Amino acid sequence: MRADEQNREDVKVKRDEWNATQPDMDSAKLVFLDESSVNTAATRLYGRGLNGERVNDHVPEAHIESTTIRICSIVGGKEKKESITGGEN
């Protein structure tokens, strides 16, 4: 699937303009940023068991905590990693 906005004419024009400028870009100046987040509230509430049998397991106490992880990479292998306790807006 992809965003429906990609079918709009103004978005197609901007994408074509962007693609036309890429061959002239200096790849050494590109920076790639990835951000992800995890929290302890993501525990599944239901499980699957054999027919007619209950599923019993344990989960952490409900101290809901979030951790945000960021990685910034540039061409050539240099990276900066950052882990933040708590959510980020």
Foldseek 3Di string as FASTA:
>chain_A
DDDPCCPDPVNVVVVVVVVVCVVVDDQQPDKDKDKDKDKQVPDDPADDDPPPDHDDDDGDDPPIKMKMWMWMAGPPGDIDIDIDIHDDD
